[in-house]
């Protein structure tokens, strides 16, 4: 269990920060932006997913993932303890509700990087979450990133591009769009949005 209060009093509900959800099409650079922001601003708390996948070498429970078995994951679902969950390659992944809520109640900005379907599920679970869409500078740039070095089969590339078109069409569902022309710039803009959605804005005025 995450230790979140560290001796501080809970923040009143009317000044608590909102959960910020970052999503966008595959290949747009979500993970790169988040990694850069965490490096420059380690105080930003990135939500840690629960998974039924076995730990890989070097992965630590509670840091990279919360590692649980299938029975524990079933209980998390049954008890409504996940903001969202999905299955990939035979393993299940989900966002624990309690850890997110505890951080928000302590007044800390919380970031969740997730795919489009997960973002929609979070919106249903936590209606006041701030959804941020990360868009590519252009369709041509996204195609370049998705096709890579051209070593994959044409049908795989075609499937990726088809999925990207669907994901881009969902931009209107989000509260804000950031265009990833520069990792440094977009990370700075994302941090500003997170602080604006928290009590930090009032403190700076």
N, C-alpha and C. Protein backbone atom coordinates (compact mmCIF):
# COMPACT_ATOMS: atom_id res chain seq x y z
N UNK A 1 0.86 -1.20 0.00
CA UNK A 1 0.00 0.00 0.00
C UNK A 1 0.89 1.24 0.00
N UNK A 2 0.53 2.23 -0.78
CA UNK A 2 1.33 3.45 -0.87
C UNK A 2 1.14 4.31 0.37
N UNK A 3 2.24 4.83 0.89
CA UNK A 3 2.17 5.76 2.00
C UNK A 3 2.03 7.15 1.41
N UNK A 4 0.87 7.75 1.60
CA UNK A 4 0.61 8.98 0.87
C UNK A 4 0.47 10.22 1.74
N UNK A 5 0.04 10.05 3.00
CA UNK A 5 -0.27 11.24 3.79
C UNK A 5 1.00 11.91 4.32
N UNK A 6 2.02 11.09 4.71
CA UNK A 6 3.27 11.59 5.25
C UNK A 6 3.04 12.64 6.34
N UNK A 7 2.00 12.42 7.14
CA UNK A 7 1.77 13.29 8.28
C UNK A 7 1.02 14.56 7.98
N UNK A 8 0.61 14.75 6.72
CA UNK A 8 -0.12 15.97 6.37
C UNK A 8 -1.61 15.75 6.49
N UNK A 9 -2.34 16.82 6.67
CA UNK A 9 -3.79 16.73 6.76
C UNK A 9 -4.40 16.66 5.37
N UNK A 10 -5.51 15.95 5.20
CA UNK A 10 -6.17 15.89 3.89
C UNK A 10 -6.55 17.27 3.41
N UNK A 11 -6.46 17.47 2.11
CA UNK A 11 -6.81 18.75 1.51
C UNK A 11 -8.32 18.83 1.37
N UNK A 12 -8.95 19.97 1.70
CA UNK A 12 -10.41 20.09 1.54
C UNK A 12 -10.82 19.77 0.11
N UNK A 13 -11.98 19.11 -0.07
CA UNK A 13 -12.42 18.68 -1.40
C UNK A 13 -12.46 19.78 -2.45
N UNK A 14 -12.79 21.03 -2.04
CA UNK A 14 -12.94 22.09 -3.03
C UNK A 14 -11.62 22.60 -3.59
N UNK A 15 -10.47 22.22 -2.97
CA UNK A 15 -9.19 22.67 -3.50
C UNK A 15 -8.29 21.49 -3.90
N UNK A 16 -8.84 20.28 -3.91
CA UNK A 16 -8.04 19.13 -4.31
C UNK A 16 -7.76 19.18 -5.81
N UNK A 17 -6.56 18.69 -6.21
CA UNK A 17 -6.27 18.62 -7.64
C UNK A 17 -7.13 17.57 -8.32
N UNK A 18 -7.23 17.69 -9.63
CA UNK A 18 -7.93 16.69 -10.44
C UNK A 18 -6.92 15.71 -11.00
N UNK A 19 -7.35 14.48 -11.18
CA UNK A 19 -6.53 13.50 -11.88
C UNK A 19 -6.35 13.96 -13.32
N UNK A 20 -5.10 13.96 -13.80
CA UNK A 20 -4.82 14.30 -15.19
C UNK A 20 -4.52 13.02 -15.96
N UNK A 21 -5.25 12.80 -17.04
CA UNK A 21 -5.10 11.60 -17.86
C UNK A 21 -4.50 12.01 -19.20
N UNK A 22 -3.38 11.41 -19.56
CA UNK A 22 -2.74 11.68 -20.84
C UNK A 22 -2.96 10.50 -21.78
N UNK A 23 -3.54 10.79 -22.95
CA UNK A 23 -3.78 9.74 -23.91
C UNK A 23 -3.53 10.27 -25.32
N UNK A 24 -3.69 9.41 -26.29
CA UNK A 24 -3.45 9.79 -27.67
C UNK A 24 -3.14 8.57 -28.50
N UNK A 25 -2.96 8.73 -29.79
CA UNK A 25 -2.71 7.58 -30.66
C UNK A 25 -1.38 6.91 -30.39
N UNK A 26 -1.28 5.63 -30.71
CA UNK A 26 -0.01 4.92 -30.59
C UNK A 26 1.04 5.60 -31.45
N UNK A 27 2.27 5.71 -30.93
CA UNK A 27 3.34 6.31 -31.70
C UNK A 27 3.47 7.81 -31.54
N UNK A 28 2.57 8.44 -30.78
CA UNK A 28 2.61 9.89 -30.66
C UNK A 28 3.67 10.37 -29.66
N UNK A 29 4.14 9.46 -28.80
CA UNK A 29 5.21 9.83 -27.87
C UNK A 29 4.78 10.06 -26.44
N UNK A 30 3.69 9.43 -26.01
CA UNK A 30 3.18 9.64 -24.64
C UNK A 30 4.23 9.24 -23.60
N UNK A 31 4.80 8.06 -23.75
CA UNK A 31 5.76 7.57 -22.75
C UNK A 31 7.00 8.44 -22.69
N UNK A 32 7.45 8.94 -23.84
CA UNK A 32 8.64 9.80 -23.88
C UNK A 32 8.39 11.11 -23.15
N UNK A 33 7.20 11.69 -23.35
CA UNK A 33 6.84 12.94 -22.69
C UNK A 33 6.77 12.74 -21.18
N UNK A 34 6.12 11.66 -20.76
CA UNK A 34 5.98 11.38 -19.33
C UNK A 34 7.34 11.13 -18.68
N UNK A 35 8.19 10.36 -19.36
CA UNK A 35 9.52 10.06 -18.82
C UNK A 35 10.33 11.34 -18.64
N UNK A 36 10.23 12.24 -19.61
CA UNK A 36 10.97 13.51 -19.51
C UNK A 36 10.43 14.35 -18.35
N UNK A 37 9.12 14.43 -18.22
CA UNK A 37 8.54 15.23 -17.15
C UNK A 37 8.90 14.67 -15.78
N UNK A 38 8.88 13.35 -15.65
CA UNK A 38 9.23 12.73 -14.37
C UNK A 38 10.71 12.98 -14.02
N UNK A 39 11.55 13.02 -15.05
CA UNK A 39 12.97 13.27 -14.82
C UNK A 39 13.21 14.69 -14.34
N UNK A 40 12.51 15.64 -14.95
CA UNK A 40 12.68 17.06 -14.60
C UNK A 40 11.87 17.42 -13.35
N UNK A 41 10.71 16.79 -13.19
CA UNK A 41 9.82 17.08 -12.06
C UNK A 41 9.43 15.77 -11.35
N UNK A 42 10.36 15.20 -10.58
CA UNK A 42 10.08 13.92 -9.91
C UNK A 42 8.96 13.99 -8.88
N UNK A 43 8.54 15.22 -8.52
CA UNK A 43 7.45 15.36 -7.55
C UNK A 43 6.10 14.97 -8.13
N UNK A 44 6.01 14.91 -9.46
CA UNK A 44 4.75 14.50 -10.08
C UNK A 44 4.58 12.99 -9.89
N UNK A 45 3.43 12.61 -9.37
CA UNK A 45 3.18 11.19 -9.10
C UNK A 45 2.49 10.55 -10.29
N UNK A 46 3.15 9.54 -10.87
CA UNK A 46 2.59 8.79 -11.99
C UNK A 46 1.89 7.57 -11.45
N UNK A 47 0.61 7.43 -11.77
CA UNK A 47 -0.17 6.31 -11.28
C UNK A 47 0.47 4.98 -11.67
N UNK A 48 0.53 4.06 -10.72
CA UNK A 48 1.13 2.74 -10.94
C UNK A 48 0.02 1.72 -11.15
N UNK A 49 0.10 0.97 -12.24
CA UNK A 49 -0.94 0.00 -12.58
C UNK A 49 -0.77 -1.30 -11.80
N UNK A 50 -1.89 -1.99 -11.60
CA UNK A 50 -1.87 -3.36 -11.09
C UNK A 50 -1.87 -4.29 -12.29
N UNK A 51 -1.16 -5.40 -12.19
CA UNK A 51 -1.12 -6.34 -13.30
C UNK A 51 -0.99 -7.78 -12.82
N UNK A 52 -1.52 -8.68 -13.62
CA UNK A 52 -1.37 -10.11 -13.34
C UNK A 52 -0.10 -10.66 -13.99
N UNK A 53 0.62 -9.81 -14.73
CA UNK A 53 1.86 -10.25 -15.37
C UNK A 53 2.93 -10.51 -14.31
N UNK A 54 3.79 -11.48 -14.58
CA UNK A 54 4.89 -11.77 -13.67
C UNK A 54 5.95 -10.66 -13.78
N UNK A 55 6.60 -10.33 -12.67
CA UNK A 55 7.64 -9.28 -12.71
C UNK A 55 8.80 -9.68 -13.62
N UNK A 56 9.31 -8.69 -14.33
CA UNK A 56 10.51 -8.89 -15.14
C UNK A 56 11.72 -8.51 -14.31
N UNK A 57 12.90 -8.96 -14.71
CA UNK A 57 14.12 -8.62 -13.94
C UNK A 57 14.25 -7.11 -13.74
N UNK A 58 14.47 -6.71 -12.50
CA UNK A 58 14.65 -5.30 -12.18
C UNK A 58 13.36 -4.58 -11.81
N UNK A 59 12.22 -5.17 -12.07
CA UNK A 59 10.94 -4.52 -11.73
C UNK A 59 10.63 -4.72 -10.25
N UNK A 60 10.14 -3.64 -9.61
CA UNK A 60 9.82 -3.70 -8.19
C UNK A 60 8.34 -3.48 -7.95
N UNK A 61 7.78 -4.27 -7.06
CA UNK A 61 6.37 -4.15 -6.73
C UNK A 61 6.09 -2.80 -6.09
N UNK A 62 5.06 -2.11 -6.59
CA UNK A 62 4.70 -0.81 -6.07
C UNK A 62 5.44 0.34 -6.73
N UNK A 63 6.47 0.03 -7.51
CA UNK A 63 7.23 1.06 -8.22
C UNK A 63 6.90 1.02 -9.70
N UNK A 64 7.12 -0.14 -10.31
CA UNK A 64 6.81 -0.30 -11.73
C UNK A 64 5.36 -0.76 -11.93
N UNK A 65 4.93 -1.70 -11.11
CA UNK A 65 3.56 -2.21 -11.10
C UNK A 65 3.24 -2.71 -9.71
N UNK A 66 1.94 -2.89 -9.46
CA UNK A 66 1.49 -3.69 -8.32
C UNK A 66 1.23 -5.08 -8.89
N UNK A 67 2.04 -6.05 -8.52
CA UNK A 67 1.91 -7.39 -9.08
C UNK A 67 0.94 -8.21 -8.23
N UNK A 68 -0.12 -8.70 -8.86
CA UNK A 68 -1.15 -9.47 -8.18
C UNK A 68 -1.46 -10.72 -8.99
N UNK A 69 -2.08 -11.72 -8.34
CA UNK A 69 -2.48 -12.90 -9.09
C UNK A 69 -3.90 -12.72 -9.61
N UNK A 70 -4.40 -13.68 -10.38
CA UNK A 70 -5.72 -13.56 -11.00
C UNK A 70 -6.83 -13.43 -9.97
N UNK A 71 -6.70 -14.14 -8.85
CA UNK A 71 -7.74 -14.07 -7.82
C UNK A 71 -7.80 -12.67 -7.19
N UNK A 72 -6.64 -12.10 -6.92
CA UNK A 72 -6.59 -10.75 -6.36
C UNK A 72 -7.16 -9.73 -7.35
N UNK A 73 -6.84 -9.91 -8.64
CA UNK A 73 -7.33 -8.97 -9.65
C UNK A 73 -8.85 -9.07 -9.76
N UNK A 74 -9.37 -10.30 -9.68
CA UNK A 74 -10.83 -10.49 -9.71
C UNK A 74 -11.50 -9.74 -8.56
N UNK A 75 -10.85 -9.77 -7.38
CA UNK A 75 -11.40 -9.07 -6.22
C UNK A 75 -11.38 -7.56 -6.42
N UNK A 76 -10.31 -7.05 -7.03
CA UNK A 76 -10.22 -5.61 -7.30
C UNK A 76 -11.37 -5.16 -8.20
N UNK A 77 -11.67 -5.97 -9.21
CA UNK A 77 -12.78 -5.65 -10.12
C UNK A 77 -14.11 -5.72 -9.38
N UNK A 78 -14.33 -6.81 -8.65
CA UNK A 78 -15.60 -7.03 -7.95
C UNK A 78 -15.88 -5.95 -6.92
N UNK A 79 -14.84 -5.44 -6.28
CA UNK A 79 -15.00 -4.43 -5.24
C UNK A 79 -14.97 -2.99 -5.77
N UNK A 80 -14.91 -2.84 -7.09
CA UNK A 80 -14.89 -1.51 -7.68
C UNK A 80 -13.63 -0.73 -7.37
N UNK A 81 -12.53 -1.43 -7.17
CA UNK A 81 -11.29 -0.78 -6.76
C UNK A 81 -10.40 -0.37 -7.92
N UNK A 82 -10.87 -0.56 -9.17
CA UNK A 82 -10.09 -0.16 -10.33
C UNK A 82 -10.83 0.94 -11.09
N UNK A 83 -10.12 2.01 -11.44
CA UNK A 83 -10.72 3.05 -12.26
C UNK A 83 -10.99 2.53 -13.67
N UNK A 84 -10.14 1.63 -14.14
CA UNK A 84 -10.29 1.01 -15.44
C UNK A 84 -9.40 -0.22 -15.47
N UNK A 85 -9.70 -1.15 -16.39
CA UNK A 85 -8.80 -2.28 -16.58
C UNK A 85 -8.99 -2.84 -17.98
N UNK A 86 -7.97 -3.55 -18.45
CA UNK A 86 -8.02 -4.15 -19.78
C UNK A 86 -7.09 -5.35 -19.80
N UNK A 87 -7.22 -6.16 -20.83
CA UNK A 87 -6.37 -7.35 -20.98
C UNK A 87 -5.50 -7.22 -22.23
N UNK A 88 -4.21 -7.49 -22.07
CA UNK A 88 -3.27 -7.45 -23.18
C UNK A 88 -2.40 -8.71 -23.13
N UNK A 89 -2.36 -9.41 -24.24
CA UNK A 89 -1.48 -10.58 -24.38
C UNK A 89 -1.64 -11.57 -23.22
N UNK A 90 -2.88 -11.77 -22.80
CA UNK A 90 -3.15 -12.76 -21.76
C UNK A 90 -2.97 -12.28 -20.34
N UNK A 91 -2.53 -11.04 -20.16
CA UNK A 91 -2.37 -10.46 -18.82
C UNK A 91 -3.32 -9.29 -18.65
N UNK A 92 -3.76 -9.07 -17.42
CA UNK A 92 -4.66 -7.95 -17.15
C UNK A 92 -3.93 -6.81 -16.46
N UNK A 93 -4.32 -5.59 -16.82
CA UNK A 93 -3.73 -4.37 -16.26
C UNK A 93 -4.86 -3.45 -15.82
N UNK A 94 -4.69 -2.76 -14.70
CA UNK A 94 -5.73 -1.86 -14.23
C UNK A 94 -5.16 -0.74 -13.37
N UNK A 95 -5.93 0.34 -13.22
CA UNK A 95 -5.51 1.49 -12.42
C UNK A 95 -6.19 1.45 -11.06
N UNK A 96 -5.45 1.23 -9.97
CA UNK A 96 -6.05 1.18 -8.63
C UNK A 96 -6.65 2.54 -8.24
N UNK A 97 -7.90 2.50 -7.85
CA UNK A 97 -8.61 3.72 -7.49
C UNK A 97 -8.06 4.33 -6.19
N UNK A 98 -7.81 3.48 -5.19
CA UNK A 98 -7.45 3.99 -3.86
C UNK A 98 -6.17 4.81 -3.87
N UNK A 99 -5.13 4.30 -4.55
CA UNK A 99 -3.84 5.00 -4.57
C UNK A 99 -3.99 6.38 -5.21
N UNK A 100 -4.77 6.46 -6.28
CA UNK A 100 -5.01 7.74 -6.96
C UNK A 100 -5.74 8.69 -6.03
N UNK A 101 -6.80 8.22 -5.39
CA UNK A 101 -7.60 9.07 -4.52
C UNK A 101 -6.80 9.56 -3.32
N UNK A 102 -5.95 8.70 -2.76
CA UNK A 102 -5.16 9.11 -1.60
C UNK A 102 -4.19 10.23 -1.96
N UNK A 103 -3.57 10.12 -3.12
CA UNK A 103 -2.66 11.18 -3.56
C UNK A 103 -3.40 12.49 -3.79
N UNK A 104 -4.55 12.40 -4.44
CA UNK A 104 -5.33 13.61 -4.71
C UNK A 104 -5.81 14.25 -3.42
N UNK A 105 -6.22 13.43 -2.46
CA UNK A 105 -6.68 13.95 -1.17
C UNK A 105 -5.55 14.63 -0.40
N UNK A 106 -4.31 14.19 -0.67
CA UNK A 106 -3.15 14.81 -0.03
C UNK A 106 -2.71 16.08 -0.77
N UNK A 107 -3.44 16.42 -1.86
CA UNK A 107 -3.14 17.64 -2.59
C UNK A 107 -2.04 17.51 -3.62
N UNK A 108 -1.70 16.27 -4.01
CA UNK A 108 -0.62 16.05 -4.96
C UNK A 108 -1.15 15.88 -6.38
N UNK A 109 -0.49 16.48 -7.38
CA UNK A 109 -0.89 16.26 -8.76
C UNK A 109 -0.64 14.81 -9.16
N UNK A 110 -1.59 14.19 -9.82
CA UNK A 110 -1.49 12.79 -10.23
C UNK A 110 -1.65 12.69 -11.74
N UNK A 111 -0.74 11.94 -12.38
CA UNK A 111 -0.77 11.76 -13.83
C UNK A 111 -0.99 10.29 -14.16
N UNK A 112 -1.86 10.04 -15.10
CA UNK A 112 -2.12 8.68 -15.58
C UNK A 112 -1.92 8.67 -17.09
N UNK A 113 -0.98 7.87 -17.57
CA UNK A 113 -0.75 7.71 -19.01
C UNK A 113 -1.44 6.42 -19.44
N UNK A 114 -2.33 6.53 -20.42
CA UNK A 114 -3.17 5.38 -20.74
C UNK A 114 -3.67 5.45 -22.17
N UNK A 115 -4.20 4.34 -22.67
CA UNK A 115 -4.71 4.34 -24.04
C UNK A 115 -6.11 4.95 -24.09
N UNK A 116 -6.63 5.08 -25.31
CA UNK A 116 -7.91 5.76 -25.51
C UNK A 116 -9.05 5.10 -24.75
N UNK A 117 -9.16 3.77 -24.86
CA UNK A 117 -10.25 3.08 -24.18
C UNK A 117 -10.17 3.25 -22.68
N UNK A 118 -8.94 3.20 -22.15
CA UNK A 118 -8.76 3.40 -20.72
C UNK A 118 -9.17 4.79 -20.28
N UNK A 119 -8.85 5.79 -21.11
CA UNK A 119 -9.22 7.18 -20.78
C UNK A 119 -10.74 7.31 -20.71
N UNK A 120 -11.44 6.66 -21.63
CA UNK A 120 -12.91 6.71 -21.61
C UNK A 120 -13.47 6.07 -20.34
N UNK A 121 -12.86 4.98 -19.91
CA UNK A 121 -13.33 4.29 -18.71
C UNK A 121 -13.04 5.13 -17.46
N UNK A 122 -11.90 5.82 -17.44
CA UNK A 122 -11.59 6.69 -16.31
C UNK A 122 -12.61 7.82 -16.23
N UNK A 123 -12.98 8.36 -17.37
CA UNK A 123 -13.99 9.43 -17.40
C UNK A 123 -15.29 8.95 -16.76
N UNK A 124 -15.66 7.71 -17.02
CA UNK A 124 -16.88 7.15 -16.41
C UNK A 124 -16.72 6.96 -14.91
N UNK A 125 -15.52 6.54 -14.48
CA UNK A 125 -15.27 6.26 -13.07
C UNK A 125 -15.02 7.51 -12.25
N UNK A 126 -14.37 8.51 -12.86
CA UNK A 126 -14.00 9.74 -12.16
C UNK A 126 -14.31 10.91 -13.09
N UNK A 127 -15.54 11.39 -13.01
CA UNK A 127 -16.05 12.36 -13.99
C UNK A 127 -15.27 13.67 -14.01
N UNK A 128 -14.63 14.04 -12.89
CA UNK A 128 -13.93 15.32 -12.86
C UNK A 128 -12.47 15.21 -13.31
N UNK A 129 -12.05 14.05 -13.80
CA UNK A 129 -10.68 13.90 -14.29
C UNK A 129 -10.45 14.83 -15.49
N UNK A 130 -9.23 15.33 -15.61
CA UNK A 130 -8.85 16.20 -16.72
C UNK A 130 -8.21 15.32 -17.80
N UNK A 131 -8.86 15.23 -18.97
CA UNK A 131 -8.37 14.39 -20.05
C UNK A 131 -7.59 15.22 -21.06
N UNK A 132 -6.33 14.86 -21.26
CA UNK A 132 -5.44 15.59 -22.16
C UNK A 132 -5.07 14.69 -23.33
N UNK A 133 -5.30 15.19 -24.54
CA UNK A 133 -5.01 14.43 -25.76
C UNK A 133 -3.68 14.89 -26.34
N UNK A 134 -2.76 13.94 -26.53
CA UNK A 134 -1.48 14.27 -27.14
C UNK A 134 -1.56 13.96 -28.63
N UNK A 135 -1.45 14.99 -29.44
CA UNK A 135 -1.60 14.86 -30.89
C UNK A 135 -0.25 14.98 -31.59
N UNK A 136 -0.10 14.34 -32.75
CA UNK A 136 1.15 14.49 -33.53
C UNK A 136 1.15 15.82 -34.25
N UNK A 137 2.32 16.30 -34.65
CA UNK A 137 2.39 17.56 -35.42
C UNK A 137 1.61 17.47 -36.73
N UNK A 138 1.58 16.26 -37.31
CA UNK A 138 0.87 16.05 -38.56
C UNK A 138 0.61 14.57 -38.73
N UNK A 139 -0.32 14.25 -39.64
CA UNK A 139 -0.58 12.84 -39.95
C UNK A 139 0.68 12.19 -40.55
N UNK A 140 1.39 12.92 -41.38
CA UNK A 140 2.59 12.38 -42.02
C UNK A 140 3.65 12.00 -40.99
N UNK A 141 3.78 12.83 -39.94
CA UNK A 141 4.75 12.53 -38.90
C UNK A 141 4.36 11.28 -38.12
N UNK A 142 3.07 11.13 -37.85
CA UNK A 142 2.61 9.94 -37.13
C UNK A 142 2.84 8.69 -37.98
N UNK A 143 2.56 8.79 -39.28
CA UNK A 143 2.81 7.66 -40.19
C UNK A 143 4.29 7.28 -40.15
N UNK A 144 5.15 8.29 -40.16
CA UNK A 144 6.60 8.02 -40.13
C UNK A 144 6.98 7.28 -38.85
N UNK A 145 6.42 7.70 -37.72
CA UNK A 145 6.75 7.06 -36.45
C UNK A 145 6.19 5.63 -36.38
N UNK A 146 5.00 5.43 -36.92
CA UNK A 146 4.37 4.11 -36.84
C UNK A 146 4.99 3.10 -37.81
N UNK A 147 5.43 3.57 -38.94
CA UNK A 147 6.01 2.65 -39.93
C UNK A 147 7.47 2.34 -39.62
N UNK A 148 8.11 3.22 -38.83
CA UNK A 148 9.47 2.95 -38.39
C UNK A 148 10.42 2.75 -39.55
N UNK A 149 11.18 1.66 -39.49
CA UNK A 149 12.20 1.41 -40.51
C UNK A 149 11.66 0.58 -41.68
N UNK A 150 10.38 0.33 -41.68
CA UNK A 150 9.80 -0.42 -42.78
C UNK A 150 10.10 -1.90 -42.77
N UNK A 151 10.43 -2.43 -41.59
CA UNK A 151 10.79 -3.85 -41.49
C UNK A 151 9.60 -4.74 -41.17
N UNK A 152 8.44 -4.13 -40.84
CA UNK A 152 7.26 -4.93 -40.49
C UNK A 152 6.42 -5.22 -41.73
N UNK A 153 5.61 -6.27 -41.62
CA UNK A 153 4.76 -6.67 -42.73
C UNK A 153 3.75 -5.57 -43.06
N UNK A 154 3.41 -5.40 -44.34
CA UNK A 154 2.47 -4.35 -44.75
C UNK A 154 1.13 -4.41 -44.03
N UNK A 155 0.64 -5.63 -43.74
CA UNK A 155 -0.65 -5.74 -43.07
C UNK A 155 -0.58 -5.24 -41.63
N UNK A 156 0.57 -5.40 -41.00
CA UNK A 156 0.75 -4.90 -39.62
C UNK A 156 0.74 -3.38 -39.63
N UNK A 157 1.47 -2.80 -40.58
CA UNK A 157 1.52 -1.35 -40.70
C UNK A 157 0.14 -0.79 -41.01
N UNK A 158 -0.58 -1.46 -41.90
CA UNK A 158 -1.92 -1.01 -42.28
C UNK A 158 -2.85 -1.03 -41.08
N UNK A 159 -2.73 -2.06 -40.25
CA UNK A 159 -3.57 -2.17 -39.06
C UNK A 159 -3.24 -1.05 -38.06
N UNK A 160 -1.97 -0.74 -37.92
CA UNK A 160 -1.56 0.34 -37.02
C UNK A 160 -2.12 1.69 -37.49
N UNK A 161 -2.02 1.93 -38.79
CA UNK A 161 -2.49 3.20 -39.33
C UNK A 161 -4.01 3.32 -39.21
N UNK A 162 -4.71 2.21 -39.42
CA UNK A 162 -6.17 2.23 -39.26
C UNK A 162 -6.57 2.54 -37.83
N UNK A 163 -5.84 1.95 -36.86
CA UNK A 163 -6.12 2.21 -35.45
C UNK A 163 -5.82 3.66 -35.11
N UNK A 164 -4.74 4.20 -35.69
CA UNK A 164 -4.36 5.59 -35.42
C UNK A 164 -5.42 6.57 -35.89
N UNK A 165 -6.05 6.28 -37.04
CA UNK A 165 -7.10 7.16 -37.54
C UNK A 165 -8.29 7.18 -36.58
N UNK A 166 -8.64 6.01 -36.05
CA UNK A 166 -9.74 5.93 -35.07
C UNK A 166 -9.39 6.71 -33.81
N UNK A 167 -8.14 6.55 -33.35
CA UNK A 167 -7.71 7.23 -32.12
C UNK A 167 -7.68 8.75 -32.31
N UNK A 168 -7.23 9.21 -33.46
CA UNK A 168 -7.19 10.65 -33.72
C UNK A 168 -8.59 11.25 -33.76
N UNK A 169 -9.55 10.46 -34.24
CA UNK A 169 -10.93 10.95 -34.35
C UNK A 169 -11.56 11.18 -32.98
N UNK A 170 -10.93 10.64 -31.92
CA UNK A 170 -11.49 10.77 -30.57
C UNK A 170 -11.03 12.04 -29.86
N UNK A 171 -10.25 12.88 -30.54
CA UNK A 171 -9.69 14.07 -29.90
C UNK A 171 -10.76 14.96 -29.26
N UNK A 172 -11.92 15.06 -29.91
CA UNK A 172 -12.98 15.94 -29.40
C UNK A 172 -13.53 15.50 -28.05
N UNK A 173 -13.27 14.26 -27.65
CA UNK A 173 -13.75 13.75 -26.36
C UNK A 173 -12.92 14.28 -25.20
N UNK A 174 -11.79 14.91 -25.50
CA UNK A 174 -10.85 15.33 -24.46
C UNK A 174 -11.02 16.80 -24.11
N UNK A 175 -10.56 17.16 -22.92
CA UNK A 175 -10.70 18.54 -22.44
C UNK A 175 -9.69 19.48 -23.10
N UNK A 176 -8.50 18.96 -23.35
CA UNK A 176 -7.41 19.78 -23.89
C UNK A 176 -6.57 18.95 -24.85
N UNK A 177 -6.02 19.62 -25.86
CA UNK A 177 -5.10 18.96 -26.79
C UNK A 177 -3.75 19.63 -26.73
N UNK A 178 -2.69 18.81 -26.64
CA UNK A 178 -1.32 19.30 -26.73
C UNK A 178 -0.69 18.65 -27.96
N UNK A 179 -0.01 19.46 -28.78
CA UNK A 179 0.63 18.94 -29.98
C UNK A 179 2.10 18.65 -29.69
N UNK A 180 2.53 17.43 -29.95
CA UNK A 180 3.88 17.01 -29.59
C UNK A 180 4.90 17.40 -30.65
N UNK A 181 5.20 18.69 -30.71
CA UNK A 181 6.25 19.18 -31.60
C UNK A 181 7.61 19.13 -30.92
N UNK A 182 7.62 19.18 -29.59
CA UNK A 182 8.85 19.15 -28.81
C UNK A 182 8.55 18.48 -27.47
N UNK A 183 9.32 17.46 -27.13
CA UNK A 183 9.09 16.74 -25.87
C UNK A 183 9.22 17.69 -24.69
N UNK A 184 10.23 18.55 -24.71
CA UNK A 184 10.45 19.48 -23.59
C UNK A 184 9.28 20.44 -23.46
N UNK A 185 8.83 21.00 -24.59
CA UNK A 185 7.74 21.98 -24.55
C UNK A 185 6.43 21.35 -24.08
N UNK A 186 6.11 20.18 -24.62
CA UNK A 186 4.82 19.57 -24.28
C UNK A 186 4.83 19.07 -22.84
N UNK A 187 5.98 18.63 -22.34
CA UNK A 187 6.07 18.22 -20.93
C UNK A 187 5.84 19.42 -20.02
N UNK A 188 6.39 20.57 -20.40
CA UNK A 188 6.19 21.80 -19.62
C UNK A 188 4.72 22.23 -19.64
N UNK A 189 4.09 22.13 -20.82
CA UNK A 189 2.68 22.49 -20.94
C UNK A 189 1.79 21.54 -20.14
N UNK A 190 2.15 20.26 -20.15
CA UNK A 190 1.38 19.28 -19.40
C UNK A 190 1.48 19.54 -17.90
N UNK A 191 2.68 19.85 -17.43
CA UNK A 191 2.86 20.16 -16.02
C UNK A 191 2.04 21.38 -15.63
N UNK A 192 2.04 22.39 -16.48
CA UNK A 192 1.25 23.61 -16.21
C UNK A 192 -0.23 23.28 -16.08
N UNK A 193 -0.73 22.41 -16.95
CA UNK A 193 -2.14 22.00 -16.88
C UNK A 193 -2.42 21.27 -15.57
N UNK A 194 -1.50 20.41 -15.15
CA UNK A 194 -1.69 19.66 -13.91
C UNK A 194 -1.72 20.59 -12.71
N UNK A 195 -0.82 21.57 -12.69
CA UNK A 195 -0.78 22.50 -11.56
C UNK A 195 -1.99 23.43 -11.56
N UNK A 196 -2.47 23.78 -12.76
CA UNK A 196 -3.64 24.63 -12.87
C UNK A 196 -4.88 23.91 -12.34
N UNK A 197 -4.89 22.58 -12.48
CA UNK A 197 -6.03 21.79 -12.01
C UNK A 197 -5.91 21.44 -10.53
N UNK A 198 -4.90 21.99 -9.87
CA UNK A 198 -4.69 21.68 -8.46
C UNK A 198 -4.69 22.95 -7.63
N UNK A 199 -4.47 22.80 -6.35
CA UNK A 199 -4.40 23.96 -5.46
C UNK A 199 -3.18 24.83 -5.71
N UNK A 200 -2.24 24.35 -6.53
CA UNK A 200 -1.03 25.14 -6.79
C UNK A 200 -1.37 26.44 -7.50
N UNK A 201 -2.43 26.43 -8.31
CA UNK A 201 -2.77 27.64 -9.03
C UNK A 201 -3.15 28.76 -8.07
N UNK A 202 -3.99 28.42 -7.09
CA UNK A 202 -4.42 29.43 -6.12
C UNK A 202 -3.23 29.96 -5.34
N UNK A 203 -2.26 29.07 -5.02
CA UNK A 203 -1.12 29.48 -4.23
C UNK A 203 -0.24 30.46 -5.00
N UNK A 204 -0.25 30.36 -6.34
CA UNK A 204 0.62 31.20 -7.13
C UNK A 204 -0.01 32.51 -7.51
N UNK A 205 -1.27 32.71 -7.23
CA UNK A 205 -1.93 33.95 -7.63
C UNK A 205 -1.83 35.01 -6.55
